[in-house]
């Protein structure tokens, strides 16, 4: 009901007294190998990611 009221009536995103759960971003979840394969392989390293985000010369 809360979600419907939020979506349809522009109600508050959280119930009074509720707060968002803190997320620990230090530890990423481990996925089964078949899920990683379907998603395109393991995540890029910081170095690989930097190659994709550097401006092209």
N, C-alpha and C. Protein backbone atom coordinates (compact mmCIF):
# COMPACT_ATOMS: atom_id res chain seq x y z
N UNK A 1 0.83 -1.19 0.00
CA UNK A 1 0.00 0.00 0.00
C UNK A 1 0.87 1.25 0.00
N UNK A 2 1.95 1.20 0.77
CA UNK A 2 2.84 2.37 0.82
C UNK A 2 3.43 2.67 -0.56
N UNK A 3 3.86 1.62 -1.26
CA UNK A 3 4.44 1.82 -2.59
C UNK A 3 3.40 2.37 -3.55
N UNK A 4 2.18 1.83 -3.52
CA UNK A 4 1.11 2.34 -4.39
C UNK A 4 0.86 3.81 -4.10
N UNK A 5 0.77 4.16 -2.83
CA UNK A 5 0.50 5.55 -2.47
C UNK A 5 1.63 6.45 -2.94
N UNK A 6 2.87 5.98 -2.79
CA UNK A 6 4.02 6.76 -3.26
C UNK A 6 3.97 6.95 -4.77
N UNK A 7 3.70 5.87 -5.51
CA UNK A 7 3.71 5.93 -6.97
C UNK A 7 2.52 6.70 -7.54
N UNK A 8 1.34 6.45 -7.01
CA UNK A 8 0.13 7.03 -7.60
C UNK A 8 -0.26 8.37 -7.01
N UNK A 9 0.06 8.60 -5.75
CA UNK A 9 -0.44 9.80 -5.09
C UNK A 9 0.67 10.77 -4.68
N UNK A 10 1.91 10.44 -5.04
CA UNK A 10 3.02 11.33 -4.68
C UNK A 10 3.28 11.38 -3.18
N UNK A 11 3.07 10.25 -2.53
CA UNK A 11 3.29 10.18 -1.09
C UNK A 11 4.76 10.20 -0.74
N UNK A 12 5.08 10.17 0.57
CA UNK A 12 6.49 10.21 0.98
C UNK A 12 7.21 8.93 0.57
N UNK A 13 8.52 9.02 0.23
CA UNK A 13 9.25 7.83 -0.16
C UNK A 13 9.47 6.85 0.99
N UNK A 14 9.49 7.34 2.23
CA UNK A 14 9.67 6.47 3.39
C UNK A 14 8.53 6.71 4.37
N UNK A 15 8.17 5.68 5.12
CA UNK A 15 7.18 5.82 6.17
C UNK A 15 7.78 6.68 7.29
N UNK A 16 6.95 7.42 8.04
CA UNK A 16 7.48 8.19 9.16
C UNK A 16 8.28 7.29 10.11
N UNK A 17 9.49 7.72 10.46
CA UNK A 17 10.35 6.95 11.36
C UNK A 17 11.27 5.97 10.65
N UNK A 18 11.01 5.65 9.37
CA UNK A 18 11.87 4.75 8.62
C UNK A 18 13.09 5.50 8.11
N UNK A 19 14.17 4.76 7.86
CA UNK A 19 15.35 5.35 7.25
C UNK A 19 15.97 4.33 6.30
N UNK A 20 16.76 4.81 5.36
CA UNK A 20 17.38 3.92 4.39
C UNK A 20 18.43 3.07 5.07
N UNK A 21 18.56 1.83 4.62
CA UNK A 21 19.56 0.91 5.12
C UNK A 21 20.92 1.30 4.56
N UNK A 22 21.93 1.27 5.39
CA UNK A 22 23.28 1.56 4.93
C UNK A 22 23.81 0.37 4.15
N UNK A 23 24.55 0.65 3.10
CA UNK A 23 25.10 -0.39 2.24
C UNK A 23 26.60 -0.45 2.43
N UNK A 24 27.12 -1.65 2.65
CA UNK A 24 28.56 -1.84 2.76
C UNK A 24 29.10 -2.12 1.35
N UNK A 25 29.71 -1.12 0.75
CA UNK A 25 30.22 -1.26 -0.61
C UNK A 25 31.63 -1.84 -0.63
N UNK A 26 32.20 -2.14 0.56
CA UNK A 26 33.54 -2.70 0.60
C UNK A 26 33.57 -4.14 0.12
N UNK A 27 32.50 -4.87 0.34
CA UNK A 27 32.46 -6.28 -0.05
C UNK A 27 31.37 -6.47 -1.11
N UNK A 28 31.78 -6.79 -2.31
CA UNK A 28 30.83 -7.03 -3.38
C UNK A 28 30.29 -8.45 -3.27
N UNK A 29 29.05 -8.67 -3.69
CA UNK A 29 28.50 -10.02 -3.64
C UNK A 29 29.22 -10.93 -4.63
N UNK A 30 29.28 -12.21 -4.30
CA UNK A 30 29.87 -13.19 -5.21
C UNK A 30 28.73 -13.87 -5.97
N UNK A 31 28.84 -13.91 -7.27
CA UNK A 31 27.81 -14.50 -8.11
C UNK A 31 28.28 -15.85 -8.63
N UNK A 32 27.35 -16.76 -8.91
CA UNK A 32 27.73 -18.05 -9.49
C UNK A 32 28.42 -17.84 -10.84
N UNK A 33 29.35 -18.72 -11.21
CA UNK A 33 30.09 -18.56 -12.47
C UNK A 33 29.18 -18.42 -13.69
N UNK A 34 28.07 -19.16 -13.74
CA UNK A 34 27.19 -19.05 -14.91
C UNK A 34 26.55 -17.67 -15.02
N UNK A 35 26.30 -17.02 -13.91
CA UNK A 35 25.74 -15.66 -13.94
C UNK A 35 26.80 -14.68 -14.43
N UNK A 36 28.03 -14.83 -13.96
CA UNK A 36 29.13 -13.96 -14.40
C UNK A 36 29.34 -14.13 -15.90
N UNK A 37 29.29 -15.36 -16.40
CA UNK A 37 29.50 -15.61 -17.82
C UNK A 37 28.41 -14.96 -18.67
N UNK A 38 27.17 -15.11 -18.26
CA UNK A 38 26.05 -14.52 -19.00
C UNK A 38 26.13 -12.99 -18.99
N UNK A 39 26.67 -12.43 -17.89
CA UNK A 39 26.79 -10.97 -17.76
C UNK A 39 27.98 -10.41 -18.55
N UNK A 40 28.78 -11.27 -19.17
CA UNK A 40 29.88 -10.79 -19.99
C UNK A 40 31.25 -10.99 -19.38
N UNK A 41 31.34 -11.74 -18.31
CA UNK A 41 32.62 -12.02 -17.69
C UNK A 41 32.83 -11.23 -16.41
N UNK A 42 33.99 -11.41 -15.79
CA UNK A 42 34.26 -10.73 -14.52
C UNK A 42 34.32 -9.21 -14.69
N UNK A 43 34.16 -8.50 -13.58
CA UNK A 43 34.21 -7.04 -13.60
C UNK A 43 35.58 -6.55 -14.05
N UNK A 44 35.62 -5.37 -14.62
CA UNK A 44 36.87 -4.76 -15.04
C UNK A 44 37.68 -4.34 -13.82
N UNK A 45 39.00 -4.41 -13.94
CA UNK A 45 39.86 -3.90 -12.88
C UNK A 45 39.86 -2.37 -12.96
N UNK A 46 40.42 -1.74 -11.94
CA UNK A 46 40.51 -0.27 -11.96
C UNK A 46 41.32 0.21 -13.17
N UNK A 47 42.39 -0.51 -13.51
CA UNK A 47 43.23 -0.13 -14.65
C UNK A 47 42.47 -0.27 -15.97
N UNK A 48 41.74 -1.38 -16.12
CA UNK A 48 40.94 -1.58 -17.34
C UNK A 48 39.86 -0.52 -17.46
N UNK A 49 39.24 -0.20 -16.35
CA UNK A 49 38.20 0.82 -16.37
C UNK A 49 38.77 2.18 -16.75
N UNK A 50 39.98 2.50 -16.26
CA UNK A 50 40.62 3.77 -16.57
C UNK A 50 40.89 3.88 -18.08
N UNK A 51 41.22 2.76 -18.73
CA UNK A 51 41.47 2.79 -20.18
C UNK A 51 40.19 3.19 -20.93
N UNK A 52 39.05 2.78 -20.45
CA UNK A 52 37.79 3.08 -21.12
C UNK A 52 37.31 4.49 -20.84
N UNK A 53 37.79 5.08 -19.75
CA UNK A 53 37.30 6.41 -19.37
C UNK A 53 38.25 7.54 -19.73
N UNK A 54 39.47 7.20 -20.20
CA UNK A 54 40.40 8.22 -20.63
C UNK A 54 39.94 8.83 -21.95
N UNK A 55 40.15 10.14 -22.13
CA UNK A 55 39.82 10.76 -23.42
C UNK A 55 40.66 10.17 -24.55
N UNK A 56 40.07 9.98 -25.69
CA UNK A 56 40.79 9.45 -26.85
C UNK A 56 41.69 10.53 -27.42
N UNK A 57 42.90 10.15 -27.83
CA UNK A 57 43.84 11.11 -28.41
C UNK A 57 43.80 11.05 -29.90
